Amino acid sequence: MFASIRRSICSKHHSPKIELKRSLQRCFSALAKPPSGEPQRQPSARPNSAQIFRKLLPYTSKYDGERYFVPQTWTDKVVKGMVKLFRFPMDTIFREDYMRRVIYLETVAAVPGLVAGSWLHFHCLRRLHDDAGWIIRLLDESENERMHLTAFLHYEQPGLLQRFMILATQIVYTSVYFVAYAVSPKACHRFVGMLEEEAVFSYNEFLKLVDSGKIPNGPAPKVAKDYWELSTDATLRDLIVAIRDDECEHRDINHAYASEIQDGTSPYDFEPISPTSRS
């Protein structure tokens, strides 16, 4: 095998670099082929983590209109103002280009659940108590938002500028949210709940553009049909409706978590687990 590489280098009739490259390609191709008579391995058909979470934690919320939480404390009012402030640049940059808009925003929406779940995980380890099922719910939220992104990427790919925006936003937003959650988990969950309210509104606007024909109502990708268990003839509109239901679920859960923290009934208020028996 490697003798052919030496012959290529010593050849007077061909460029050594070109022949070396070709010989290496032949060598690695031969190494990659299975022995004769042995069947080639097929790609794994295992479900991804988001699909596993989906089976364990089926969503129950359905779209019930555009509901908005009424701020009750001064922190709620500050959070509400921040959410409205963050919506302005999105409306300015993307306008009615909702496909690019949701691709960008879903990369942001997948951050809070992972950060919150990680913080609570370490909190439970330090304080030696249970999480009341919060951690898996928060991780599922993050994975669910990532599946939204995965589905929409089958319709359009972000350009170089949008990829840079995604990278910069991920670095800044993840860092800020990580610190903010350490300071006030309650404010962060309220913030996410209010963001999800805006997400429900945005997906309603997206549906209007699809219904009016401004955005083609193409077929839903297979990954979306499998994950949301859509019909074989499902379209983009069906996908948006399913994702809007998901956002309603995230809205309700995060507002509920914020209220539990405020009322002192969240895992952050649990007592350490005490032994029930001794040997």
Protein backbone atom coordinates (compact mmCIF):
# COMPACT_ATOMS: atom_id res chain seq x y z
CA MET A 1 0.00 0.00 0.00
CA PHE A 2 2.64 2.52 1.06
CA ALA A 3 5.04 1.36 -1.68
CA SER A 4 2.75 3.07 -4.16
CA ILE A 5 3.26 6.32 -2.30
CA ARG A 6 7.06 6.01 -2.65
CA ARG A 7 6.77 5.26 -6.35
CA SER A 8 4.57 8.31 -6.81
CA ILE A 9 7.07 10.59 -5.10
CA CYS A 10 9.96 9.24 -7.20
CA SER A 11 8.06 9.41 -10.49
CA LYS A 12 9.56 11.72 -13.15
CA HIS A 13 6.41 12.02 -15.21
CA HIS A 14 3.94 13.33 -12.58
CA SER A 15 3.90 16.01 -9.93
CA PRO A 16 4.95 14.40 -6.62
CA LYS A 17 2.36 16.41 -4.67
CA ILE A 18 -0.54 15.38 -6.92
CA GLU A 19 0.45 11.73 -6.99
CA LEU A 20 1.01 11.68 -3.23
CA LYS A 21 -2.47 13.09 -2.68
CA ARG A 22 -4.03 10.52 -5.00
CA SER A 23 -2.17 7.65 -3.37
CA LEU A 24 -3.21 8.73 0.10
CA GLN A 25 -6.82 8.95 -1.04
CA ARG A 26 -6.64 5.38 -2.42
CA CYS A 27 -5.04 4.16 0.80
CA PHE A 28 -7.65 5.68 3.08
CA SER A 29 -10.46 4.53 0.78
CA ALA A 30 -9.16 1.00 1.05
CA LEU A 31 -8.94 1.26 4.81
CA ALA A 32 -12.51 2.58 5.01
CA LYS A 33 -13.96 -0.36 3.06
CA PRO A 34 -15.11 -3.35 5.13
CA PRO A 35 -13.53 -6.74 4.45
CA SER A 36 -15.08 -8.68 1.59
CA GLY A 37 -18.24 -10.48 2.60
CA GLU A 38 -18.86 -8.19 5.58
CA PRO A 39 -21.95 -5.93 5.24
CA GLN A 40 -21.43 -2.19 5.48
CA ARG A 41 -22.62 -0.54 8.67
CA GLN A 42 -25.71 1.61 8.33
CA PRO A 43 -26.19 4.94 10.14
CA SER A 44 -27.63 4.59 13.62
CA ALA A 45 -31.41 4.93 13.88
CA ARG A 46 -31.32 5.89 17.55
CA PRO A 47 -33.61 8.75 18.60
CA ASN A 48 -31.93 12.00 19.59
CA SER A 49 -32.15 13.38 23.12
CA ALA A 50 -35.05 15.68 22.25
CA GLN A 51 -37.12 12.72 21.03
CA ILE A 52 -36.38 10.82 24.25
CA PHE A 53 -37.50 13.79 26.35
CA ARG A 54 -40.65 14.08 24.23
CA LYS A 55 -41.64 10.49 25.03
CA LEU A 56 -40.95 10.94 28.74
CA LEU A 57 -42.62 14.33 29.09
CA PRO A 58 -45.56 14.74 26.70
CA TYR A 59 -46.75 18.34 26.49
CA THR A 60 -50.26 19.19 27.65
CA SER A 61 -50.62 22.91 26.84
CA LYS A 62 -52.45 23.94 23.69
CA TYR A 63 -52.85 27.35 22.14
CA ASP A 64 -55.44 29.25 24.13
CA GLY A 65 -55.00 32.74 22.79
CA GLU A 66 -52.39 35.41 23.42
CA ARG A 67 -52.29 35.56 27.21
CA TYR A 68 -50.01 37.99 29.03
CA PHE A 69 -48.88 37.88 32.64
CA VAL A 70 -49.80 41.01 34.59
CA PRO A 71 -46.71 42.28 36.49
CA GLN A 72 -47.22 42.09 40.24
CA THR A 73 -43.89 43.26 41.66
CA TRP A 74 -41.32 45.84 40.66
CA THR A 75 -39.06 43.08 39.33
CA ASP A 76 -41.92 41.83 37.14
CA LYS A 77 -42.29 45.35 35.74
CA VAL A 78 -38.56 45.62 35.03
CA VAL A 79 -38.58 42.22 33.30
CA LYS A 80 -41.61 43.22 31.23
CA GLY A 81 -39.80 46.36 30.09
CA MET A 82 -36.72 44.35 29.13
CA VAL A 83 -38.79 41.95 27.04
CA LYS A 84 -40.44 44.82 25.16
CA LEU A 85 -37.03 46.42 24.67
CA PHE A 86 -35.55 43.22 23.22
CA ARG A 87 -38.44 42.84 20.78
CA PHE A 88 -37.74 46.20 19.12
CA PRO A 89 -34.45 45.24 17.37
CA MET A 90 -36.00 41.97 16.17
CA ASP A 91 -38.88 43.86 14.56
CA THR A 92 -36.41 46.32 13.04
CA ILE A 93 -33.90 43.79 11.68
CA PHE A 94 -36.16 41.00 10.43
CA ARG A 95 -39.49 42.76 9.84
CA GLU A 96 -41.66 40.19 8.00
CA ASP A 97 -38.82 37.77 7.25
CA TYR A 98 -40.15 35.34 9.83
CA MET A 99 -38.18 32.32 8.66
CA ARG A 100 -34.85 34.00 9.38
CA ARG A 101 -36.34 35.57 12.48
CA VAL A 102 -37.36 32.27 14.08
CA ILE A 103 -34.09 30.57 13.10
CA TYR A 104 -32.19 33.27 14.95
CA LEU A 105 -34.51 33.43 17.96
CA GLU A 106 -34.65 29.66 18.45
CA THR A 107 -30.86 29.65 18.92
CA VAL A 108 -31.46 32.11 21.76
CA ALA A 109 -34.50 30.34 23.20
CA ALA A 110 -32.55 27.11 23.70
CA VAL A 111 -30.22 28.76 26.24
CA PRO A 112 -32.35 29.45 29.39
CA GLY A 113 -33.53 25.89 29.98
CA LEU A 114 -30.01 24.48 29.89
CA VAL A 115 -28.60 27.22 32.13
CA ALA A 116 -31.44 26.96 34.66
CA GLY A 117 -31.31 23.16 34.69
CA SER A 118 -27.56 23.23 35.27
CA TRP A 119 -27.84 25.76 38.11
CA LEU A 120 -30.56 23.76 39.84
CA HIS A 121 -28.63 20.52 39.35
CA PHE A 122 -25.60 21.91 41.20
CA HIS A 123 -27.85 23.54 43.81
CA CYS A 124 -29.46 20.19 44.62
CA LEU A 125 -26.03 18.56 44.86
CA ARG A 126 -24.78 21.22 47.27
CA ARG A 127 -27.93 21.38 49.39
CA LEU A 128 -28.55 17.61 49.27
CA HIS A 129 -32.22 17.71 48.29
CA ASP A 130 -34.59 16.74 45.48
CA ASP A 131 -35.47 18.84 42.43
CA ALA A 132 -39.21 17.94 42.20
CA GLY A 133 -38.80 17.13 38.51
CA TRP A 134 -37.67 20.62 37.54
CA ILE A 135 -34.31 19.69 36.03
CA ILE A 136 -35.61 17.32 33.37
CA ARG A 137 -38.37 19.78 32.47
CA LEU A 138 -35.84 22.58 32.00
CA LEU A 139 -33.51 20.41 29.93
CA ASP A 140 -36.48 19.26 27.85
CA GLU A 141 -37.38 22.91 27.20
CA SER A 142 -33.89 23.55 25.88
CA GLU A 143 -33.95 20.46 23.67
CA ASN A 144 -37.43 21.30 22.42
CA GLU A 145 -36.31 24.76 21.32
CA ARG A 146 -33.37 23.16 19.53
CA MET A 147 -35.79 20.92 17.66
CA HIS A 148 -37.68 24.03 16.54
CA LEU A 149 -34.41 25.27 15.07
CA THR A 150 -33.66 21.90 13.46
CA ALA A 151 -37.04 21.82 11.75
CA PHE A 152 -36.78 25.35 10.34
CA LEU A 153 -33.25 24.75 9.04
CA HIS A 154 -34.81 22.38 6.49
CA TYR A 155 -36.46 25.42 4.89
CA GLU A 156 -33.62 27.93 4.96
CA GLN A 157 -29.98 28.21 6.00
CA PRO A 158 -28.69 31.36 7.73
CA GLY A 159 -26.11 33.43 5.89
CA LEU A 160 -22.67 34.44 7.12
CA LEU A 161 -23.91 37.60 8.84
CA GLN A 162 -26.71 35.79 10.66
CA ARG A 163 -24.28 33.05 11.75
CA PHE A 164 -22.05 35.74 13.24
CA MET A 165 -25.09 37.21 15.03
CA ILE A 166 -25.92 33.77 16.42
CA LEU A 167 -22.36 33.28 17.71
CA ALA A 168 -22.12 36.73 19.28
CA THR A 169 -25.58 36.48 20.86
CA GLN A 170 -24.85 33.02 22.24
CA ILE A 171 -21.66 34.20 23.95
CA VAL A 172 -23.21 37.35 25.43
CA TYR A 173 -26.68 36.02 26.27
CA THR A 174 -25.44 32.79 27.84
CA SER A 175 -22.96 34.67 30.04
CA VAL A 176 -25.47 37.29 31.15
CA TYR A 177 -28.26 34.77 31.78
CA PHE A 178 -25.90 32.52 33.74
CA VAL A 179 -25.04 35.37 36.12
CA ALA A 180 -28.63 36.65 36.26
CA TYR A 181 -29.94 33.20 37.21
CA ALA A 182 -27.46 33.02 40.07
CA VAL A 183 -28.79 36.34 41.36
CA SER A 184 -32.53 35.82 40.83
CA PRO A 185 -33.97 32.56 39.47
CA LYS A 186 -37.46 33.95 39.94
CA ALA A 187 -36.83 36.98 37.70
CA CYS A 188 -35.22 34.77 35.06
CA HIS A 189 -38.17 32.36 34.90
CA ARG A 190 -40.56 35.30 34.71
CA PHE A 191 -38.42 36.75 31.92
CA VAL A 192 -38.60 33.51 29.93
CA GLY A 193 -42.34 33.25 30.53
CA MET A 194 -42.83 36.72 29.08
CA LEU A 195 -40.52 35.95 26.16
CA GLU A 196 -42.67 32.94 25.38
CA GLU A 197 -45.72 35.19 25.34
CA GLU A 198 -44.01 37.20 22.61
CA ALA A 199 -43.08 33.96 20.84
CA VAL A 200 -46.75 32.95 20.70
CA PHE A 201 -47.57 36.35 19.18
CA SER A 202 -44.73 35.99 16.64
CA TYR A 203 -45.88 32.56 15.52
CA ASN A 204 -49.39 33.92 15.05
CA GLU A 205 -47.91 36.58 12.75
CA PHE A 206 -45.94 33.86 10.98
CA LEU A 207 -49.16 31.91 10.39
CA LYS A 208 -50.84 34.99 8.91
CA LEU A 209 -48.04 35.31 6.34
CA VAL A 210 -48.31 31.63 5.45
CA ASP A 211 -52.11 31.84 5.12
CA SER A 212 -51.83 34.94 2.92
CA GLY A 213 -49.38 33.19 0.58
CA LYS A 214 -46.46 35.53 1.29
CA ILE A 215 -44.54 32.55 2.68
CA PRO A 216 -44.89 29.23 0.76
CA ASN A 217 -46.66 26.50 2.70
CA GLY A 218 -44.25 23.72 1.78
CA PRO A 219 -44.24 20.19 3.19
CA ALA A 220 -42.97 19.64 6.73
CA PRO A 221 -39.59 17.87 6.99
CA LYS A 222 -39.46 14.26 8.11
CA VAL A 223 -37.70 15.15 11.36
CA ALA A 224 -40.67 17.34 12.29
CA LYS A 225 -43.23 14.67 11.37
CA ASP A 226 -41.42 12.15 13.57
CA TYR A 227 -40.91 14.47 16.54
CA TRP A 228 -44.36 16.07 16.66
CA GLU A 229 -46.11 12.99 15.22
CA LEU A 230 -47.58 14.99 12.37
CA SER A 231 -49.50 13.44 9.49
CA THR A 232 -47.63 12.28 6.39
CA ASP A 233 -49.00 15.23 4.40
CA ALA A 234 -48.20 17.84 7.08
CA THR A 235 -47.10 21.27 5.90
CA LEU A 236 -45.19 24.25 7.25
CA ARG A 237 -48.43 25.56 8.71
CA ASP A 238 -48.96 22.36 10.71
CA LEU A 239 -45.40 22.63 11.99
CA ILE A 240 -45.90 26.25 13.12
CA VAL A 241 -49.11 25.31 14.95
CA ALA A 242 -47.28 22.50 16.78
CA ILE A 243 -44.41 24.79 17.73
CA ARG A 244 -46.85 27.46 18.93
CA ASP A 245 -48.33 24.87 21.31
CA ASP A 246 -44.82 24.18 22.59
CA GLU A 247 -44.29 27.87 23.30
CA CYS A 248 -47.56 27.93 25.28
CA GLU A 249 -46.20 25.05 27.37
CA HIS A 250 -42.94 26.88 28.04
CA ARG A 251 -44.85 30.05 28.90
CA ASP A 252 -47.03 28.29 31.45
CA ILE A 253 -44.19 26.30 33.03
CA ASN A 254 -41.86 29.25 33.47
CA HIS A 255 -44.56 31.47 34.96
CA ALA A 256 -45.49 28.63 37.32
CA TYR A 257 -41.86 28.16 38.35
CA ALA A 258 -41.43 31.89 38.96
CA SER A 259 -44.56 31.94 41.14
CA GLU A 260 -43.39 28.90 43.12
CA ILE A 261 -40.05 30.56 43.80
CA GLN A 262 -41.89 33.72 44.88
CA ASP A 263 -44.17 31.71 47.20
CA GLY A 264 -41.29 29.76 48.73
CA THR A 265 -42.49 26.36 47.48
CA SER A 266 -39.83 25.67 44.84
CA PRO A 267 -36.90 23.23 45.06
CA TYR A 268 -34.76 26.18 46.10
CA ASP A 269 -36.65 26.11 49.41
CA PHE A 270 -36.47 22.36 50.04
CA GLU A 271 -34.78 20.97 53.14
CA PRO A 272 -31.91 18.47 52.78
CA ILE A 273 -32.96 14.85 52.57
CA SER A 274 -32.74 13.21 55.98
CA PRO A 275 -32.15 9.47 56.48
CA THR A 276 -35.30 7.48 57.27
CA SER A 277 -33.46 4.49 58.67
CA ARG A 278 -30.05 3.64 60.01
CA SER A 279 -28.27 0.31 59.87
